[in-house]
Protein backbone atom coordinates (compact mmCIF):
# COMPACT_ATOMS: atom_id res chain seq x y z
CA UNK A 1 49.17 65.61 49.08
CA UNK A 2 46.00 67.58 49.64
CA UNK A 3 45.81 70.39 52.23
CA UNK A 4 49.35 70.02 53.53
CA UNK A 5 50.74 72.87 55.68
CA UNK A 6 54.48 73.39 55.10
CA UNK A 7 56.25 73.77 58.46
CA UNK A 8 59.77 73.80 57.03
CA UNK A 9 59.85 77.45 55.93
CA UNK A 10 59.05 80.85 57.45
CA UNK A 11 59.39 82.17 61.03
CA UNK A 12 59.40 79.43 63.67
CA UNK A 13 57.35 81.06 66.46
CA UNK A 14 54.32 81.94 64.26
CA UNK A 15 54.36 78.43 62.79
CA UNK A 16 54.28 76.81 66.24
CA UNK A 17 51.74 79.24 67.66
CA UNK A 18 49.57 78.87 64.55
CA UNK A 19 49.35 75.14 65.21
CA UNK A 20 49.19 75.38 69.00
CA UNK A 21 46.19 77.72 69.23
CA UNK A 22 43.66 75.47 67.44
CA UNK A 23 45.28 72.44 69.04
CA UNK A 24 44.82 74.12 72.41
CA UNK A 25 41.12 74.57 71.68
CA UNK A 26 40.90 70.86 70.96
CA UNK A 27 42.84 70.00 74.12
CA UNK A 28 40.69 72.31 76.23
CA UNK A 29 37.70 70.66 74.64
CA UNK A 30 39.00 67.19 75.40
CA UNK A 31 39.53 68.14 79.04
CA UNK A 32 36.16 69.92 79.12
CA UNK A 33 34.73 66.59 78.01
CA UNK A 34 36.03 65.06 81.28
CA UNK A 35 35.13 68.11 83.36
CA UNK A 36 31.52 67.93 82.21
CA UNK A 37 31.37 64.29 83.34
CA UNK A 38 33.00 65.22 86.65
CA UNK A 39 30.59 68.10 87.23
CA UNK A 40 27.41 66.08 86.69
CA UNK A 41 28.69 63.01 88.52
CA UNK A 42 29.71 65.27 91.40
CA UNK A 43 26.02 66.13 91.80
CA UNK A 44 25.36 62.46 92.58
CA UNK A 45 27.47 62.72 95.75
CA UNK A 46 30.96 62.09 97.07
CA UNK A 47 30.73 58.28 96.67
CA UNK A 48 29.97 58.53 92.95
CA UNK A 49 32.73 61.12 92.50
CA UNK A 50 35.19 58.90 94.37
CA UNK A 51 34.24 55.92 92.17
CA UNK A 52 34.81 58.05 89.09
CA UNK A 53 38.19 59.12 90.48
CA UNK A 54 39.25 55.49 90.86
CA UNK A 55 38.73 55.02 87.11
CA UNK A 56 41.14 57.83 86.26
CA UNK A 57 44.30 55.66 86.06
CA UNK A 58 42.56 53.28 83.64
CA UNK A 59 41.20 56.15 81.55
CA UNK A 60 44.72 57.54 81.47
CA UNK A 61 46.05 54.09 80.49
CA UNK A 62 43.75 54.06 77.47
CA UNK A 63 44.87 57.58 76.69
CA UNK A 64 48.48 56.43 76.96
CA UNK A 65 47.95 53.65 74.42
CA UNK A 66 46.16 56.07 72.09
CA UNK A 67 48.82 58.72 72.52
CA UNK A 68 51.64 56.26 71.99
CA UNK A 69 50.19 55.07 68.72
CA UNK A 70 49.38 58.64 67.74
CA UNK A 71 52.90 59.86 68.50
CA UNK A 72 54.40 57.01 66.49
CA UNK A 73 52.11 57.71 63.56
CA UNK A 74 52.65 61.48 63.70
CA UNK A 75 56.43 61.15 63.84
CA UNK A 76 56.82 58.79 60.88
CA UNK A 77 54.10 60.44 58.79
CA UNK A 78 55.46 63.96 59.35
CA UNK A 79 58.95 62.83 58.31
CA UNK A 80 57.48 61.27 55.16
CA UNK A 81 55.73 64.58 54.46
CA UNK A 82 59.03 66.39 54.91
CA UNK A 83 60.48 64.02 52.30
CA UNK A 84 57.55 64.85 49.93
CA UNK A 85 56.63 61.14 49.61
CA UNK A 86 52.82 61.10 49.32
CA UNK A 87 52.51 57.34 48.65
CA UNK A 88 54.51 56.59 51.77
CA UNK A 89 52.23 58.94 53.74
CA UNK A 90 49.11 57.06 52.58
CA UNK A 91 50.58 53.67 53.38
CA UNK A 92 51.77 54.68 56.85
CA UNK A 93 48.47 56.36 57.75
CA UNK A 94 46.30 53.44 56.65
CA UNK A 95 48.46 50.81 58.30
CA UNK A 96 48.67 52.80 61.56
CA UNK A 97 44.86 52.90 61.75
CA UNK A 98 44.64 49.15 61.15
CA UNK A 99 47.16 48.54 63.90
CA UNK A 100 45.12 50.65 66.32
CA UNK A 101 42.03 48.52 65.67
CA UNK A 102 43.88 45.30 66.49
CA UNK A 103 45.31 46.77 69.69
CA UNK A 104 41.88 47.98 70.81
CA UNK A 105 40.44 44.47 70.49
CA UNK A 106 43.14 43.12 72.78
CA UNK A 107 42.69 45.79 75.46
CA UNK A 108 38.90 45.52 75.52
CA UNK A 109 39.08 41.79 76.22
CA UNK A 110 41.71 42.18 78.94
CA UNK A 111 39.92 45.17 80.50
CA UNK A 112 36.55 43.46 80.84
CA UNK A 113 38.14 40.43 82.48
CA UNK A 114 40.11 42.42 85.08
CA UNK A 115 37.69 45.06 86.42
CA UNK A 116 37.32 43.64 89.95
CA UNK A 117 40.94 42.68 90.71
CA UNK A 118 42.37 45.86 89.19
CA UNK A 119 40.21 48.34 91.08
CA UNK A 120 40.48 46.35 94.29
CA UNK A 121 44.25 46.72 93.93
CA UNK A 122 43.77 50.48 93.54
CA UNK A 123 42.00 50.58 96.89
CA UNK A 124 38.30 50.61 95.96
CA UNK A 125 35.96 49.26 98.63
CA UNK A 126 32.90 47.10 97.86
CA UNK A 127 30.56 50.06 97.47
CA UNK A 128 32.87 51.89 95.10
CA UNK A 129 33.62 48.69 93.19
CA UNK A 130 29.95 48.19 92.31
CA UNK A 131 29.72 51.71 90.92
CA UNK A 132 33.00 51.30 89.04
CA UNK A 133 31.86 48.01 87.53
CA UNK A 134 28.69 49.56 86.13
CA UNK A 135 30.64 52.39 84.53
CA UNK A 136 33.62 50.49 83.12
CA UNK A 137 31.67 47.70 81.43
CA UNK A 138 30.23 50.28 79.06
CA UNK A 139 33.39 52.38 78.84
CA UNK A 140 35.58 49.47 77.73
CA UNK A 141 33.22 48.57 74.90
CA UNK A 142 33.55 52.11 73.54
CA UNK A 143 37.36 52.16 73.63
CA UNK A 144 37.69 51.90 69.83
CA UNK A 145 35.88 55.21 69.48
CA UNK A 146 38.73 56.91 71.36
CA UNK A 147 41.86 55.12 70.16
CA UNK A 148 41.25 55.03 66.40
CA UNK A 149 40.30 58.73 66.08
CA UNK A 150 43.33 59.66 68.20
CA UNK A 151 45.61 57.99 65.65
CA UNK A 152 43.68 59.53 62.76
CA UNK A 153 43.79 63.02 64.22
CA UNK A 154 47.54 62.72 64.82
CA UNK A 155 47.95 61.83 61.16
CA UNK A 156 46.08 65.02 60.24
CA UNK A 157 48.31 67.03 62.59
CA UNK A 158 51.37 65.51 60.93
CA UNK A 159 50.18 67.30 57.78
CA UNK A 160 50.32 70.56 59.74
CA UNK A 161 46.56 70.96 60.27
CA UNK A 162 45.38 71.27 63.87
CA UNK A 163 42.09 73.05 63.14
CA UNK A 164 40.10 70.05 61.89
CA UNK A 165 40.98 67.71 64.79
CA UNK A 166 39.93 70.47 67.18
CA UNK A 167 36.60 70.97 65.42
CA UNK A 168 35.98 67.22 65.53
CA UNK A 169 36.61 67.21 69.27
CA UNK A 170 34.38 70.24 69.86
CA UNK A 171 31.53 68.41 68.14
CA UNK A 172 31.97 65.48 70.51
CA UNK A 173 32.01 67.83 73.51
CA UNK A 174 28.72 69.38 72.47
CA UNK A 175 27.07 65.98 72.14
CA UNK A 176 28.48 64.80 75.46
CA UNK A 177 27.37 67.98 77.23
CA UNK A 178 23.82 67.48 75.96
CA UNK A 179 23.61 63.76 76.68
CA UNK A 180 25.27 63.74 80.11
CA UNK A 181 22.46 65.36 82.16
CA UNK A 182 19.79 63.56 80.14
CA UNK A 183 21.22 60.10 80.75
CA UNK A 184 22.73 60.61 84.22
CA UNK A 185 19.64 62.17 85.83
CA UNK A 186 16.90 60.76 83.58
CA UNK A 187 15.53 64.02 82.23
CA UNK A 188 12.40 63.81 80.07
CA UNK A 189 11.91 60.45 78.35
CA UNK A 190 15.42 59.26 79.24
CA UNK A 191 15.95 56.75 82.08
CA UNK A 192 18.04 57.72 85.12
CA UNK A 193 21.26 55.77 84.54
CA UNK A 194 23.70 57.73 86.74
CA UNK A 195 27.27 56.45 86.11
CA UNK A 196 26.16 54.21 83.25
CA UNK A 197 24.57 57.27 81.66
CA UNK A 198 27.88 59.12 81.75
CA UNK A 199 29.61 56.16 80.10
CA UNK A 200 26.95 55.88 77.37
CA UNK A 201 27.13 59.61 76.63
CA UNK A 202 30.90 59.34 76.29
CA UNK A 203 30.74 56.34 73.96
CA UNK A 204 28.16 57.93 71.67
CA UNK A 205 29.96 61.28 71.47
CA UNK A 206 33.31 59.60 70.76
CA UNK A 207 31.79 57.45 68.02
CA UNK A 208 31.12 60.63 66.08
CA UNK A 209 34.82 61.53 66.18
CA UNK A 210 35.67 58.15 64.67
CA UNK A 211 33.44 58.62 61.63
CA UNK A 212 34.30 62.27 61.03
CA UNK A 213 38.08 61.86 61.36
CA UNK A 214 38.12 58.99 58.86
CA UNK A 215 36.06 61.02 56.39
CA UNK A 216 38.45 63.95 56.61
CA UNK A 217 41.51 61.73 56.27
CA UNK A 218 40.20 60.20 53.07
CA UNK A 219 38.32 62.97 51.27
CA UNK A 220 40.11 66.18 52.36
CA UNK A 221 43.68 65.06 52.97
CA UNK A 222 43.92 62.04 50.69
CA UNK A 223 45.94 60.16 53.32
CA UNK A 224 44.21 56.77 53.09
CA UNK A 225 44.62 54.01 50.56
CA UNK A 226 42.46 50.95 49.94
CA UNK A 227 45.13 49.16 47.96
CA UNK A 228 46.57 46.17 49.80
CA UNK A 229 50.26 45.73 49.04
CA UNK A 230 50.75 42.52 50.99
CA UNK A 231 51.53 41.63 54.58
CA UNK A 232 55.22 42.43 54.18
CA UNK A 233 54.46 46.07 53.32
CA UNK A 234 51.97 46.32 56.19
CA UNK A 235 54.45 44.89 58.66
CA UNK A 236 57.12 47.32 57.47
CA UNK A 237 54.77 50.23 58.18
CA UNK A 238 53.92 48.78 61.58
CA UNK A 239 57.61 48.41 62.43
CA UNK A 240 58.18 52.12 61.74
CA UNK A 241 55.17 53.17 63.78
CA UNK A 242 55.80 50.85 66.73
CA UNK A 243 59.53 51.64 66.85
CA UNK A 244 58.44 55.01 68.16
CA UNK A 245 54.92 54.07 69.26
CA UNK A 246 55.85 51.29 71.69
CA UNK A 247 58.39 53.32 73.71
CA UNK A 248 55.99 56.28 73.53
CA UNK A 249 53.10 54.11 74.72
CA UNK A 250 55.24 52.59 77.48
CA UNK A 251 56.25 56.01 78.71
CA UNK A 252 52.68 57.25 78.46
CA UNK A 253 51.53 54.14 80.34
CA UNK A 254 53.92 55.10 83.10
CA UNK A 255 51.70 58.14 83.68
CA UNK A 256 48.55 56.19 84.71
CA UNK A 257 50.66 53.57 86.48
CA UNK A 258 52.38 56.23 88.56
CA UNK A 259 49.09 58.05 89.03
CA UNK A 260 47.59 54.74 90.16
CA UNK A 261 50.25 54.58 92.86
CA UNK A 262 49.57 58.20 93.81
CA UNK A 263 45.84 57.40 93.90
CA UNK A 264 46.56 54.48 96.22
CA UNK A 265 48.60 56.71 98.51
CA UNK A 266 45.91 59.39 98.61
CA UNK A 267 43.20 56.78 99.20
CA UNK A 268 44.74 56.19 102.64
CA UNK A 269 43.57 59.70 103.55
CA UNK A 270 39.86 58.95 102.95
CA UNK A 271 37.16 59.37 100.28
CA UNK A 272 37.17 63.17 100.51
CA UNK A 273 40.87 63.24 99.65
CA UNK A 274 40.47 60.88 96.70
CA UNK A 275 37.45 62.86 95.46
CA UNK A 276 39.52 66.07 95.68
CA UNK A 277 42.37 64.43 93.76
CA UNK A 278 39.97 63.43 90.98
CA UNK A 279 38.80 67.04 90.72
CA UNK A 280 42.41 68.30 90.78
CA UNK A 281 43.44 65.94 87.99
CA UNK A 282 40.69 67.20 85.72
CA UNK A 283 41.30 70.87 86.54
CA UNK A 284 44.98 70.24 85.91
CA UNK A 285 44.29 68.71 82.50
CA UNK A 286 42.25 71.80 81.65
CA UNK A 287 44.81 74.44 82.63
CA UNK A 288 47.73 72.46 81.19
CA UNK A 289 46.01 72.02 77.83
CA UNK A 290 48.04 74.83 76.14
CA UNK A 291 51.28 73.18 77.27
CA UNK A 292 50.08 69.73 76.27
CA UNK A 293 49.01 71.17 72.90
CA UNK A 294 52.48 72.62 72.48
CA UNK A 295 54.01 69.23 73.21
CA UNK A 296 51.74 67.64 70.61
CA UNK A 297 52.41 70.13 67.79
CA UNK A 298 56.17 70.11 68.33
CA UNK A 299 56.19 66.53 67.02
CA UNK A 300 54.95 67.31 63.48
CA UNK A 301 56.95 70.56 63.46
CA UNK A 302 60.13 68.69 64.36
CA UNK A 303 59.28 65.75 62.12
CA UNK A 304 58.75 67.81 58.98
CA UNK A 305 61.90 69.85 59.56
CA UNK A 306 63.94 66.80 60.44
CA UNK A 307 62.70 65.06 57.30
CA UNK A 308 63.77 68.11 55.31
CA UNK A 309 67.17 68.21 57.05
CA UNK A 310 66.57 71.53 58.86
CA UNK A 311 67.85 70.87 62.37
CA UNK A 312 68.44 74.54 63.20
CA UNK A 313 64.69 75.13 63.03
CA UNK A 314 64.23 72.26 65.50
CA UNK A 315 66.61 73.97 67.96
CA UNK A 316 64.78 77.27 67.57
CA UNK A 317 61.46 75.53 68.16
CA UNK A 318 62.75 74.02 71.41
CA UNK A 319 63.87 77.40 72.76
CA UNK A 320 60.55 79.06 71.96
CA UNK A 321 58.56 76.17 73.46
CA UNK A 322 60.52 76.30 76.73
CA UNK A 323 59.91 80.03 77.21
CA UNK A 324 56.22 79.61 76.36
CA UNK A 325 55.80 76.81 78.92
CA UNK A 326 57.48 78.71 81.77
CA UNK A 327 55.58 81.94 81.10
CA UNK A 328 52.18 80.27 81.00
CA UNK A 329 52.99 78.27 84.14
CA UNK A 330 53.68 81.47 86.08
CA UNK A 331 50.26 82.85 85.14
CA UNK A 332 48.54 79.59 86.16
CA UNK A 333 50.26 79.48 89.55
CA UNK A 334 49.36 83.07 90.43
CA UNK A 335 45.73 82.38 89.51
CA UNK A 336 45.46 79.23 91.62
CA UNK A 337 47.29 80.78 94.54
CA UNK A 338 44.26 83.03 94.98
CA UNK A 339 41.39 81.02 93.44
CA UNK A 340 42.28 77.35 93.90
CA UNK A 341 39.60 76.61 96.50
CA UNK A 342 36.97 78.41 94.45
CA UNK A 343 37.80 76.18 91.49
CA UNK A 344 37.33 73.09 93.66
CA UNK A 345 34.01 74.36 95.02
CA UNK A 346 32.58 74.35 91.49
CA UNK A 347 32.61 70.54 91.55
CA UNK A 348 31.79 69.67 95.16
CA UNK A 349 30.46 71.73 98.07
CA UNK A 350 32.27 69.76 100.79
CA UNK A 351 34.82 72.05 102.52
CA UNK A 352 37.17 69.10 103.01
CA UNK A 353 37.13 68.45 99.26
CA UNK A 354 37.56 71.99 97.93
CA UNK A 355 40.15 72.96 100.57
CA UNK A 356 42.24 69.96 99.50
CA UNK A 357 41.83 71.03 95.88
CA UNK A 358 43.15 74.48 96.78
CA UNK A 359 46.13 73.00 98.63
CA UNK A 360 47.10 70.79 95.68
CA UNK A 361 46.86 73.56 93.12
CA UNK A 362 48.80 76.06 95.25
CA UNK A 363 51.71 73.62 95.60
CA UNK A 364 51.89 71.66 92.34
CA UNK A 365 51.04 74.48 89.89
CA UNK A 366 54.36 76.14 90.74
CA UNK A 367 56.15 73.39 88.78
CA UNK A 368 53.85 73.16 85.74
CA UNK A 369 56.28 74.98 83.43
CA UNK A 370 59.04 72.47 84.10
CA UNK A 371 56.55 69.63 83.65
CA UNK A 372 55.77 71.13 80.24
CA UNK A 373 59.45 71.34 79.27
CA UNK A 374 59.91 67.63 79.93
CA UNK A 375 56.88 66.87 77.73
CA UNK A 376 58.24 69.02 74.89
CA UNK A 377 61.67 67.39 75.15
CA UNK A 378 60.17 63.90 74.92
CA UNK A 379 58.11 64.94 71.87
CA UNK A 380 61.18 66.32 70.10
CA UNK A 381 63.15 63.14 70.76
CA UNK A 382 60.32 61.04 69.30
CA UNK A 383 60.21 63.16 66.16
CA UNK A 384 63.99 62.83 65.85
CA UNK A 385 63.55 59.05 65.75
CA UNK A 386 65.07 58.70 69.23
CA UNK A 387 62.15 57.13 71.14
CA UNK A 388 64.26 55.54 73.85
CA UNK A 389 65.67 58.90 74.84
CA UNK A 390 62.08 60.12 75.21
CA UNK A 391 61.30 57.05 77.29
CA UNK A 392 64.29 57.75 79.53
CA UNK A 393 62.93 61.23 80.31
CA UNK A 394 59.59 59.81 81.43
CA UNK A 395 61.10 56.94 83.41
CA UNK A 396 63.29 59.43 85.25
CA UNK A 397 60.36 61.77 85.96
CA UNK A 398 57.73 59.24 86.98
CA UNK A 399 59.56 56.24 88.41
CA UNK A 400 62.82 57.68 89.76
CA UNK A 401 61.33 60.94 91.05
CA UNK A 402 57.52 61.14 91.28
CA UNK A 403 56.58 57.92 93.08
CA UNK A 404 59.44 57.87 95.63
CA UNK A 405 59.08 61.57 96.47
CA UNK A 406 55.30 61.27 96.88
CA UNK A 407 55.77 58.26 99.16
CA UNK A 408 58.32 60.10 101.26
CA UNK A 409 56.01 63.09 101.41
CA UNK A 410 53.14 60.94 102.71
CA UNK A 411 55.40 59.41 105.34
CA UNK A 412 56.50 62.74 106.79
CA UNK A 413 53.87 65.34 105.83
CA UNK A 414 50.81 63.24 104.90
CA UNK A 415 48.66 64.76 102.13
CA UNK A 416 50.62 67.99 101.84
CA UNK A 417 53.78 65.93 101.52
CA UNK A 418 52.40 63.97 98.57
CA UNK A 419 51.60 67.19 96.73
CA UNK A 420 55.04 68.64 97.52
CA UNK A 421 56.72 65.49 96.19
CA UNK A 422 54.80 65.79 92.92
CA UNK A 423 55.90 69.40 92.47
CA UNK A 424 59.57 68.72 93.20
CA UNK A 425 59.65 65.79 90.76
CA UNK A 426 58.28 67.98 87.94
CA UNK A 427 60.86 70.69 88.63
CA UNK A 428 63.87 68.38 88.60
CA UNK A 429 62.64 66.48 85.52
CA UNK A 430 62.10 69.68 83.55
CA UNK A 431 65.60 70.98 84.19
CA UNK A 432 67.21 67.62 83.47
CA UNK A 433 65.31 66.86 80.26
CA UNK A 434 66.00 70.32 78.80
CA UNK A 435 69.73 69.94 79.40
CA UNK A 436 69.69 66.39 77.97
CA UNK A 437 67.97 67.43 74.74
CA UNK A 438 69.88 70.69 74.30
CA UNK A 439 73.24 68.93 74.61
CA UNK A 440 72.08 66.24 72.17
CA UNK A 441 71.04 68.82 69.57
CA UNK A 442 74.31 70.72 69.97
CA UNK A 443 76.21 67.59 68.94
CA UNK A 444 74.18 67.06 65.76
CA UNK A 445 75.69 68.46 62.51
CA UNK A 446 73.33 70.84 60.68
CA UNK A 447 71.34 68.92 58.09
CA UNK A 448 72.04 65.48 59.61
CA UNK A 449 69.19 63.07 59.10
CA UNK A 450 68.92 59.50 60.33
CA UNK A 451 65.79 58.47 58.49
CA UNK A 452 65.07 54.77 58.53
């Protein structure tokens, strides 16, 4: 196969870091994409920013579906690469992309039909609902431009290349950064579209990632095939992808579902609180991008080594990833302990908003390293073809811990209690998931492989 990077030989730490750094650039870029939208929409006022914050659970839901499919594709494709089976790689990649198209069609139809009841359930009032409706009607129609490239870029990462997906994302960021102010504020010949302008800028920029990722997959990596081998072959590929992809998507969906509950709890504290939470979520995505990147690259690293029967390298990768996550988290917490409010003030000049941002970051950032460990553990389990173990980690973190602890925090300490509950849930989940995975790996004989 063209342009494959072999992750099954050589020192482990340089291999992981070599993939994580460009992946981190792409992740930072992806978050910067959202931060740019948040910055310009924040200039429209607190109401517009609050409306945008209400859309976050749905945006995360779409990301969950994309990530689930991407994780499934990356896991099975990377194992096929480890087996040196290029025809299997082409078939799996092509069929995974086709599956993503069909799933997008379903979600667009459902999304457009449920805008009002869904956001009313999340706590949006009539004024916010009108703004949300104008934004989401456009956003839903552009969903294919996010989901399909996500699957394609994960296929490229399965081949050990994280540079090209990052460059594709950076191109989209540049376009979005140019179009956002033009379409939101109506600069020059462009009409003033406000929230609709932000949605249109996003859709156009993302459409570029769709075209470019498909071109790279076909011409540079040779991972696509136009030969149809019958429905039976296609269904077999889909079964392999969805065996991991469905549990991964379900667990990823738990993130926006749980965040929807958290959003509902915070909405009881007023529009300033919900606006601050929207800012916090986007700042958090930015600073956690190195850890999220690590969680993403550990899947192809584990998959290739698992496919090649090198389980000891998987164990070594887990140890390195855990230390990396905890070290970076300590740096982030120290930074936000002193500069959290200043970060919030970049997006909104209301003292109530940026002081709440500072409070959140000072409390929750302390647990980011453990949050990262649970993400890495879930990624390793997926690559090991154990998706339900990965799902168990996320169910434990989000449903058993996060939501109940946040609710209890609101009951006794109001807003500060919600933030404290979030931090405690991340800490407990990180410790528990690391022990779960480490004990599982210790029981596996060296070289054991349960390929399906």
